[in-house]
Each structure stands twice: as C-alpha cells, then as structure tokens.
Amino acid sequence: MGFFSLDELREPDVRTLKFGPLGLGGEMEARDALRFQQEVVSHPELVPDVPSTVSDSFERLRRIHAYGVLWYDFFTVADDQARLFLEFALRERFVEFHDGTVQFRDKAGELHDFPTTPFREIQAEAARHESKDDEWRLVIRRTGRGIRFDGMLDSLLRWAHEEGLLRGQRNRARNRLIESGRNHVAHGAGDHLLMPVDSARTIHDTAEIVNHLWGAPTPGGRLYPAPIRREVQLVGWTPGESIMSGQVAVPGDGQPIDLNDAVDQLGSALPGDSQIDDCTWVLVRADSAQDAFLHARSVAIGATGCSRKGKCQQCAVETIRRGNWKDVANALAAECPEARPHRVPDVRVSSGLRWPRYQQLTGEGNWLLGDR
C-alpha cells in the first residue's frame, strides 16, 4: 500500500465537495461541506431511553459519515456499518425487553425459560431445537403465540413487529429490503461505492427504527412519523362482480363500533339491488385506504398474486378476515374494540378527484369504473 503524509490525509476529497444543499454543483468550501454533511445526519437524535451501548455505536456511524469529507469512500463504510448496526440494536432491545428471561414453546406445548444473556447462547439453544420434530418457538408476550426465532435479523424484525415495537404494513414489507441490504454487506458486498445521500438516508432510517424500538416515533419521519393516522377499510364484491370499498370505522374515543349503523351506511352505497348479505367481504389492515382497496381488487381479479389470507408478500396489506358481513363485522369488533363508526357528512362538495363508488370486474384480470 502507499503511505500518506498527515497533510495528505487532511486534504478534503473534491468528490464530496460537489454535494451541496441544492444537489450536485460547484465545489463547496471544505468547512462548509463538513458542516453540511454533519447537518444531514444530525436528525433524528436517539431518545434518552436508548442505552449507551446503542447510542455510542450510532454516534460512531455519524462520525464516519462526516469523515467522508476527507475520503469519499467513508460514505460507503458508514452505510454498510449502519446496516449491521441495526441488527445489534435489535438484539439489545430484545434482551432489555425480556428482562433476563425469554420463553420458548416446544412441539408438545411445554414452556422453557432461558436466560437472555449472552445473546449468542439464545441463538445456540434455538439452533439445537430447529429440526422439524423438535422445533422451539419463541413465545410472544403480547399475544402468547409462538414464532420461529433464530436470533438473526429477519427473526428479530418479525419479533419486534409481533410485540408491537415496530408498526405499519409498509414497514413490514420494507423489512425484506433491510434484510437484503444487511446480507449483501455481511456476506460479501464486494467493491462498491455509495454516495453521501445513500449513507445519510440509511443512517436517518436506522435512527427512526431504533427510536421506535424504544417507544418514540419521529416527528416528520419517513418510516415512523408521529403521529400517523390509520383507518379500517372494508372491501367487498357482489354476485354481479362489482367491487366497492369504504371506511367503516376510525380510531376514536374508546366507543365501540355501531355495527347496525355501519350496515346501513354500506347498504345504501351498494350498486343496483345488491344486498349486503349477498356480498363477499374482506377486512384488511393497511397504512392507507388505497393500499387496502388495490389489494382486494387484485385478489378478486387474480392479477398480481396477492395473498388471499394473512400477511401479503406482494404488497403492504394484511388480510384479517374474509366471509359474509356478520363474520367480518365480528372480526372488526374484536380487532378494533376502540373504534367508532365513520360517519359520512350530510353535505359534500363534488370533486373530479373522488373515487368511484364501486368497480365492475369484467374477467381476465380487467375491471371498469362504476358510478361515482
């Protein structure tokens, strides 16, 4: 290798100086470039509840990013290390969450307590019981159900979502990208070069995830903004193959949903002489009403391979229940006991941007817009 003088190591990298607040352009002064690169990774700060083992490691990431002013390749190092750091943060949260003891359930239903530290011993114990006839499942404290767990990033993310430490259907779907990025780095990423914007985005997203693991959403955040509004979306189709959707409840003041009121609202919106009991209904959980509608339409026309039950691997939606109105309404009441009816206003200004009341399925994966 070539040897550098101290003065050479202090020289700014001209590639970095071209990245400014308005994008690529003329070269900035080195001191301005340093300030700018530190500013872009200064938010969000980790909340005080995050332990020092995690926050100190995170500060190391931000410092590596800042050193990219002197050597452009440091942005790649910072991005790679951020992807590995997230797995470390999840392990620390797992240990803290279980307060010394984690519980597994074997194939016979027997429970086994196991100490959470050192974490590698949990992984070794799970590996000893990973065969089909002797598989142990991690017991989720929030629900009591068991999940497969090997202590790696994918199972840690699944655990965090099951315990409610992480939220959102889009974020659940995004986990595949997080796992892919981590595996790319951990198993031989090879020679690659990233930009300051790549490193800054990864560090910012990592901070949002870590803060949410410790119970703090990020104001103005991209992944876990505070607050985010979610609505329950009901989608159904009639025997005549018209599909419709609408809100049936919104998070409210603790009042239970009035099922009769919801039936009246939906019944009045059905196309033609269709009756509510003649329809097939799907209750879905998603981050937006449009996500829910598009998923159900894809299932109805068989267009994209969306899953008919459970967590969809094709889009950011989870199907909670499918069946007649009574079955779906009961599932809604059990899933969201704190919801209250969504009341349509008596007066509304017409808009060309409004969605149609229903869409007609024409077969072979095609559909038409119904009445507005």
Protein backbone atom coordinates (compact mmCIF):
# COMPACT_ATOMS: atom_id res chain seq x y z
CA MET A 1 0.00 0.00 0.00
CA GLY A 2 1.05 3.58 -0.48
CA PHE A 3 1.86 5.70 2.56
CA PHE A 4 0.22 9.10 3.06
CA SER A 5 1.50 12.11 4.90
CA LEU A 6 -0.62 13.70 7.61
CA ASP A 7 -1.23 16.69 5.38
CA GLU A 8 -2.48 14.41 2.58
CA LEU A 9 -4.91 12.71 4.96
CA ARG A 10 -6.24 16.13 5.94
CA GLU A 11 -6.96 17.15 2.36
CA PRO A 12 -10.69 17.29 1.53
CA ASP A 13 -11.98 14.92 -1.15
CA VAL A 14 -13.13 17.03 -4.09
CA ARG A 15 -15.83 14.45 -4.90
CA THR A 16 -17.57 15.24 -1.61
CA LEU A 17 -17.28 18.99 -2.07
CA LYS A 18 -19.62 18.79 -5.07
CA PHE A 19 -22.54 17.63 -2.88
CA GLY A 20 -24.41 20.65 -1.51
CA PRO A 21 -27.83 21.53 -0.10
CA LEU A 22 -29.22 22.02 -3.62
CA GLY A 23 -27.72 18.81 -5.02
CA LEU A 24 -24.70 18.33 -7.26
CA GLY A 25 -23.00 21.51 -8.32
CA GLY A 26 -19.86 23.56 -7.87
CA GLU A 27 -17.35 22.72 -5.17
CA MET A 28 -18.09 23.95 -1.65
CA GLU A 29 -15.50 25.16 0.83
CA ALA A 30 -14.25 22.25 2.94
CA ARG A 31 -15.53 23.74 6.21
CA ASP A 32 -18.98 24.30 4.66
CA ALA A 33 -19.05 20.78 3.25
CA LEU A 34 -18.18 19.36 6.67
CA ARG A 35 -20.94 21.33 8.35
CA PHE A 36 -23.45 20.30 5.70
CA GLN A 37 -22.63 16.59 5.91
CA GLN A 38 -22.96 16.71 9.69
CA GLU A 39 -26.26 18.55 9.42
CA VAL A 40 -27.83 15.93 7.15
CA VAL A 41 -27.23 13.15 9.72
CA SER A 42 -27.96 15.25 12.81
CA HIS A 43 -31.68 14.35 12.81
CA PRO A 44 -33.17 12.46 14.44
CA GLU A 45 -31.27 12.17 17.69
CA LEU A 46 -31.68 8.91 19.57
CA VAL A 47 -34.03 9.28 22.54
CA PRO A 48 -32.64 9.08 26.11
CA ASP A 49 -34.22 5.66 26.71
CA VAL A 50 -31.86 4.08 24.17
CA PRO A 51 -28.97 2.50 26.14
CA SER A 52 -25.46 3.90 25.79
CA THR A 53 -24.21 0.72 24.08
CA VAL A 54 -26.54 1.54 21.19
CA SER A 55 -26.29 5.34 21.18
CA ASP A 56 -22.46 5.27 21.28
CA SER A 57 -22.37 2.94 18.29
CA PHE A 58 -24.80 5.20 16.45
CA GLU A 59 -22.60 8.24 17.06
CA ARG A 60 -19.73 6.29 15.51
CA LEU A 61 -21.81 5.95 12.34
CA ARG A 62 -22.43 9.68 12.14
CA ARG A 63 -18.74 10.44 12.66
CA ILE A 64 -17.73 8.02 9.91
CA HIS A 65 -20.19 9.81 7.61
CA ALA A 66 -18.59 13.16 8.46
CA TYR A 67 -15.14 11.79 7.60
CA GLY A 68 -16.44 11.36 4.08
CA VAL A 69 -15.43 14.98 3.55
CA LEU A 70 -11.81 13.78 3.72
CA TRP A 71 -12.31 10.48 1.90
CA TYR A 72 -15.38 9.83 -0.23
CA ASP A 73 -15.28 6.06 0.42
CA PHE A 74 -16.21 6.65 4.06
CA PHE A 75 -19.82 7.16 2.94
CA THR A 76 -19.85 3.54 1.77
CA VAL A 77 -18.32 2.43 5.08
CA ALA A 78 -20.94 4.38 7.04
CA ASP A 79 -23.81 2.91 5.01
CA ASP A 80 -22.51 -0.65 5.36
CA GLN A 81 -21.95 -0.31 9.09
CA ALA A 82 -25.43 1.17 9.61
CA ARG A 83 -26.96 -1.97 8.11
CA LEU A 84 -25.01 -4.15 10.54
CA PHE A 85 -25.67 -1.79 13.46
CA LEU A 86 -29.45 -2.24 13.19
CA GLU A 87 -29.16 -5.95 13.97
CA PHE A 88 -27.06 -5.11 17.04
CA ALA A 89 -29.68 -2.58 18.22
CA LEU A 90 -32.47 -5.13 17.79
CA ARG A 91 -30.54 -7.65 19.89
CA GLU A 92 -30.04 -5.09 22.65
CA ARG A 93 -33.75 -4.26 22.62
CA PHE A 94 -34.64 -7.95 22.69
CA VAL A 95 -32.52 -8.53 25.80
CA GLU A 96 -33.85 -5.43 27.56
CA PHE A 97 -37.46 -6.21 26.65
CA HIS A 98 -37.37 -9.69 28.18
CA ASP A 99 -35.69 -8.51 31.38
CA GLY A 100 -33.46 -11.53 31.87
CA THR A 101 -35.64 -14.44 30.72
CA VAL A 102 -37.04 -15.46 27.36
CA GLN A 103 -39.62 -18.20 26.89
CA PHE A 104 -39.83 -20.88 24.19
CA ARG A 105 -42.57 -23.43 23.50
CA ASP A 106 -41.70 -26.88 22.20
CA LYS A 107 -43.70 -29.09 19.82
CA ALA A 108 -45.56 -30.68 22.74
CA GLY A 109 -46.65 -27.28 24.08
CA GLU A 110 -44.27 -27.30 27.06
CA LEU A 111 -42.74 -23.94 28.02
CA HIS A 112 -39.00 -23.48 28.55
CA ASP A 113 -37.41 -20.42 30.20
CA PHE A 114 -33.96 -19.39 29.04
CA PRO A 115 -31.67 -16.50 30.10
CA THR A 116 -31.34 -13.69 27.57
CA THR A 117 -27.63 -13.07 28.11
CA PRO A 118 -25.34 -13.71 26.46
CA PHE A 119 -27.46 -13.43 23.33
CA ARG A 120 -25.35 -15.92 21.38
CA GLU A 121 -26.48 -18.61 23.84
CA ILE A 122 -30.11 -17.96 22.84
CA GLN A 123 -29.12 -18.47 19.21
CA ALA A 124 -27.27 -21.66 20.06
CA GLU A 125 -30.23 -23.03 22.03
CA ALA A 126 -32.65 -22.23 19.22
CA ALA A 127 -30.30 -23.93 16.75
CA ARG A 128 -30.26 -27.07 18.89
CA HIS A 129 -34.05 -27.26 18.55
CA GLU A 130 -34.56 -26.25 14.94
CA SER A 131 -35.34 -29.66 13.48
CA LYS A 132 -38.90 -30.27 12.29
CA ASP A 133 -39.62 -32.74 15.11
CA ASP A 134 -38.07 -30.65 17.88
CA GLU A 135 -38.55 -27.02 16.85
CA TRP A 136 -38.83 -24.47 19.63
CA ARG A 137 -40.87 -21.34 19.03
CA LEU A 138 -40.35 -18.01 20.75
CA VAL A 139 -43.40 -17.04 22.82
CA ILE A 140 -44.67 -13.53 22.03
CA ARG A 141 -45.57 -11.85 25.31
CA ARG A 142 -48.25 -9.63 23.76
CA THR A 143 -50.31 -12.46 22.26
CA GLY A 144 -48.95 -15.73 23.64
CA ARG A 145 -48.42 -17.16 20.14
CA GLY A 146 -45.13 -18.71 19.06
CA ILE A 147 -42.90 -17.67 16.16
CA ARG A 148 -39.81 -19.16 14.60
CA PHE A 149 -36.72 -17.47 16.01
CA ASP A 150 -33.03 -17.96 15.28
CA GLY A 151 -31.73 -14.61 16.54
CA MET A 152 -30.86 -13.30 13.08
CA LEU A 153 -32.09 -10.04 11.59
CA ASP A 154 -35.22 -11.42 9.90
CA SER A 155 -36.49 -13.10 13.08
CA LEU A 156 -35.60 -10.07 15.21
CA LEU A 157 -37.63 -7.79 12.92
CA ARG A 158 -40.52 -10.26 12.96
CA TRP A 159 -40.37 -10.38 16.76
CA ALA A 160 -40.38 -6.57 17.02
CA HIS A 161 -43.49 -6.31 14.80
CA GLU A 162 -45.29 -9.11 16.68
CA GLU A 163 -44.63 -7.38 20.01
CA GLY A 164 -45.84 -4.04 18.63
CA LEU A 165 -42.43 -2.38 19.00
CA LEU A 166 -42.47 -1.69 15.25
CA ARG A 167 -45.62 -0.92 13.27
CA GLY A 168 -47.00 -0.41 9.80
CA GLN A 169 -47.72 -2.71 6.89
CA ARG A 170 -45.42 -0.81 4.54
CA ASN A 171 -42.60 -1.10 7.07
CA ARG A 172 -43.28 -4.82 7.42
CA ALA A 173 -42.91 -5.16 3.65
CA ARG A 174 -39.80 -2.95 3.72
CA ASN A 175 -38.14 -5.44 6.09
CA ARG A 176 -37.25 -7.59 3.09
CA LEU A 177 -35.14 -4.74 1.72
CA ILE A 178 -33.49 -4.22 5.12
CA GLU A 179 -32.62 -7.91 5.32
CA SER A 180 -31.34 -7.95 1.75
CA GLY A 181 -29.11 -4.92 2.38
CA ARG A 182 -27.70 -6.41 5.57
CA ASN A 183 -27.00 -9.77 3.91
CA HIS A 184 -25.34 -8.03 0.98
CA VAL A 185 -22.89 -6.39 3.38
CA ALA A 186 -22.42 -9.31 5.78
CA HIS A 187 -21.85 -11.95 3.10
CA GLY A 188 -19.51 -10.18 0.75
CA ALA A 189 -20.70 -6.94 -0.79
CA GLY A 190 -17.53 -6.72 -2.83
CA ASP A 191 -16.18 -3.48 -4.24
CA HIS A 192 -18.97 -0.93 -4.31
CA LEU A 193 -19.20 2.82 -3.91
CA LEU A 194 -22.14 4.77 -2.49
CA MET A 195 -22.95 8.46 -2.34
CA PRO A 196 -23.40 10.76 0.67
CA VAL A 197 -27.17 10.75 0.11
CA ASP A 198 -27.20 6.94 0.39
CA SER A 199 -25.32 6.98 3.67
CA ALA A 200 -27.40 9.82 5.11
CA ARG A 201 -30.70 8.09 4.20
CA THR A 202 -29.63 4.78 5.75
CA ILE A 203 -28.42 6.47 8.95
CA HIS A 204 -31.62 8.51 9.21
CA ASP A 205 -33.86 5.47 8.67
CA THR A 206 -31.85 3.48 11.20
CA ALA A 207 -32.32 6.18 13.80
CA GLU A 208 -36.09 6.17 13.22
CA ILE A 209 -36.25 2.40 13.65
CA VAL A 210 -34.14 2.44 16.81
CA ASN A 211 -36.15 5.25 18.38
CA HIS A 212 -39.39 3.41 17.66
CA LEU A 213 -37.99 0.23 19.19
CA TRP A 214 -37.72 2.23 22.39
CA GLY A 215 -41.20 3.70 22.02
CA ALA A 216 -40.55 7.05 20.34
CA PRO A 217 -41.91 7.95 16.86
CA THR A 218 -40.08 10.59 14.84
CA PRO A 219 -41.73 13.96 14.12
CA GLY A 220 -41.69 14.39 10.36
CA GLY A 221 -40.16 10.95 9.94
CA ARG A 222 -40.24 8.82 6.79
CA LEU A 223 -40.77 5.38 8.35
CA TYR A 224 -42.28 6.06 11.78
CA PRO A 225 -43.72 9.58 11.71
CA ALA A 226 -45.54 10.99 14.68
CA PRO A 227 -48.46 10.81 14.57
CA ILE A 228 -49.75 8.69 11.69
CA ARG A 229 -53.48 8.21 11.06
CA ARG A 230 -54.80 4.75 10.19
CA GLU A 231 -58.30 3.77 9.16
CA VAL A 232 -60.08 0.45 8.88
CA GLN A 233 -61.06 -0.27 5.29
CA LEU A 234 -63.76 -2.75 4.24
CA VAL A 235 -63.81 -4.07 0.69
CA GLY A 236 -66.48 -6.30 -0.86
CA TRP A 237 -67.84 -7.58 -4.13
CA THR A 238 -71.33 -8.53 -5.19
CA PRO A 239 -72.51 -11.68 -7.01
CA GLY A 240 -72.66 -9.50 -10.13
CA GLU A 241 -68.92 -8.92 -9.77
CA SER A 242 -68.97 -5.27 -8.79
CA ILE A 243 -66.36 -4.31 -6.23
CA MET A 244 -66.76 -1.49 -3.73
CA SER A 245 -64.96 -0.20 -0.67
CA GLY A 246 -65.39 2.28 2.13
CA GLN A 247 -64.34 3.23 5.63
CA VAL A 248 -66.35 1.58 8.36
CA ALA A 249 -64.57 2.90 11.42
CA VAL A 250 -61.90 5.33 12.52
CA PRO A 251 -59.72 5.29 15.66
CA GLY A 252 -61.78 7.20 18.18
CA ASP A 253 -62.59 7.94 21.75
CA GLY A 254 -62.96 4.40 23.04
CA GLN A 255 -66.57 3.92 21.94
CA PRO A 256 -67.29 0.52 20.34
CA ILE A 257 -68.31 0.43 16.70
CA ASP A 258 -72.05 0.52 15.98
CA LEU A 259 -72.42 -2.42 13.59
CA ASN A 260 -76.03 -1.58 12.61
CA ASP A 261 -75.01 1.93 11.70
CA ALA A 262 -72.15 0.58 9.56
CA VAL A 263 -74.53 -1.85 7.83
CA ASP A 264 -76.94 0.98 6.97
CA GLN A 265 -74.14 3.11 5.52
CA LEU A 266 -72.72 0.32 3.39
CA GLY A 267 -76.15 -0.92 2.29
CA SER A 268 -77.09 2.49 0.94
CA ALA A 269 -73.93 2.59 -1.18
CA LEU A 270 -74.26 -0.84 -2.81
CA PRO A 271 -74.77 -0.71 -6.59
CA GLY A 272 -78.11 -1.73 -8.03
CA ASP A 273 -80.43 -4.00 -5.88
CA SER A 274 -77.46 -5.82 -4.24
CA GLN A 275 -77.97 -6.82 -0.64
CA ILE A 276 -75.23 -6.66 1.95
CA ASP A 277 -75.58 -10.35 2.86
CA ASP A 278 -75.10 -11.37 -0.78
CA CYS A 279 -71.62 -9.89 -0.93
CA THR A 280 -68.24 -11.35 -0.04
CA TRP A 281 -66.39 -9.01 2.30
CA VAL A 282 -62.72 -8.68 3.15
CA LEU A 283 -61.44 -6.83 6.21
CA VAL A 284 -57.86 -5.64 5.71
CA ARG A 285 -55.28 -3.76 7.65
CA ALA A 286 -53.12 -1.30 5.72
CA ASP A 287 -51.43 2.06 6.07
CA SER A 288 -53.82 3.68 3.61
CA ALA A 289 -57.33 3.02 2.25
CA GLN A 290 -55.92 2.90 -1.28
CA ASP A 291 -53.49 0.11 -0.33
CA ALA A 292 -56.40 -1.92 1.07
CA PHE A 293 -58.62 -1.39 -1.97
CA LEU A 294 -55.93 -2.22 -4.53
CA HIS A 295 -55.01 -5.40 -2.66
CA ALA A 296 -58.61 -6.63 -2.51
CA ARG A 297 -59.17 -5.80 -6.17
CA SER A 298 -56.03 -7.75 -7.10
CA VAL A 299 -57.28 -10.75 -5.13
CA ALA A 300 -60.70 -10.54 -6.78
CA ILE A 301 -59.33 -10.44 -10.33
CA GLY A 302 -56.31 -12.67 -9.66
CA ALA A 303 -53.99 -10.16 -11.26
CA THR A 304 -50.79 -9.87 -9.20
CA GLY A 305 -50.51 -12.90 -6.97
CA CYS A 306 -51.63 -11.08 -3.81
CA SER A 307 -52.27 -13.42 -0.87
CA ARG A 308 -55.89 -14.26 -0.04
CA LYS A 309 -55.17 -14.59 3.69
CA GLY A 310 -52.65 -13.38 6.22
CA LYS A 311 -49.77 -11.04 5.51
CA CYS A 312 -49.40 -10.44 1.81
CA GLN A 313 -45.93 -11.00 0.39
CA GLN A 314 -46.76 -8.94 -2.70
CA CYS A 315 -47.91 -5.68 -1.11
CA ALA A 316 -48.15 -3.94 2.27
CA VAL A 317 -51.51 -5.35 3.40
CA GLU A 318 -52.65 -7.98 5.90
CA THR A 319 -55.99 -9.79 5.47
CA ILE A 320 -57.72 -10.18 8.82
CA ARG A 321 -60.97 -11.87 7.79
CA ARG A 322 -62.87 -12.91 4.66
CA GLY A 323 -66.52 -14.03 4.57
CA ASN A 324 -70.06 -12.73 4.90
CA TRP A 325 -70.90 -9.45 6.58
CA LYS A 326 -71.61 -10.96 10.02
CA ASP A 327 -68.27 -12.77 10.16
CA VAL A 328 -66.31 -9.74 9.03
CA ALA A 329 -68.18 -7.36 11.35
CA ASN A 330 -67.47 -9.60 14.35
CA ALA A 331 -63.81 -9.74 13.37
CA LEU A 332 -63.74 -5.94 13.13
CA ALA A 333 -65.27 -5.55 16.58
CA ALA A 334 -62.67 -7.93 18.04
CA GLU A 335 -59.76 -6.37 16.17
CA CYS A 336 -60.60 -2.72 16.91
CA PRO A 337 -62.75 -2.52 20.06
CA GLU A 338 -61.80 1.14 20.47
CA ALA A 339 -63.03 2.18 17.02
CA ARG A 340 -66.12 4.28 16.39
CA PRO A 341 -68.28 4.49 13.24
CA HIS A 342 -67.08 6.58 10.33
CA ARG A 343 -69.95 8.98 9.62
CA VAL A 344 -70.28 10.37 6.12
CA PRO A 345 -71.05 14.13 6.17
CA ASP A 346 -74.53 15.21 5.08
CA VAL A 347 -73.10 17.85 2.73
CA ARG A 348 -70.18 17.31 0.38
CA VAL A 349 -68.64 19.40 -2.39
CA SER A 350 -68.32 17.40 -5.60
CA SER A 351 -64.82 16.78 -6.91
CA GLY A 352 -63.45 15.20 -10.06
CA LEU A 353 -60.81 13.52 -7.88
CA ARG A 354 -63.31 11.37 -5.96
CA TRP A 355 -63.03 7.61 -6.32
CA PRO A 356 -65.98 5.75 -7.91
CA ARG A 357 -68.42 4.09 -5.52
CA TYR A 358 -67.57 0.70 -6.97
CA GLN A 359 -65.66 -1.01 -9.78
CA GLN A 360 -67.02 -3.75 -12.01
CA LEU A 361 -64.91 -6.84 -12.64
CA THR A 362 -65.05 -7.91 -16.28
CA GLY A 363 -62.93 -11.07 -16.13
CA GLU A 364 -59.45 -11.92 -17.39
CA GLY A 365 -57.91 -9.53 -14.87
CA ASN A 366 -59.79 -6.47 -16.14
CA TRP A 367 -62.16 -4.01 -14.47
CA LEU A 368 -64.25 -0.92 -15.22
CA LEU A 369 -65.13 2.14 -13.17
CA GLY A 370 -68.64 2.14 -11.70
CA ASP A 371 -70.85 5.08 -10.74
CA ARG A 372 -69.32 7.99 -8.91
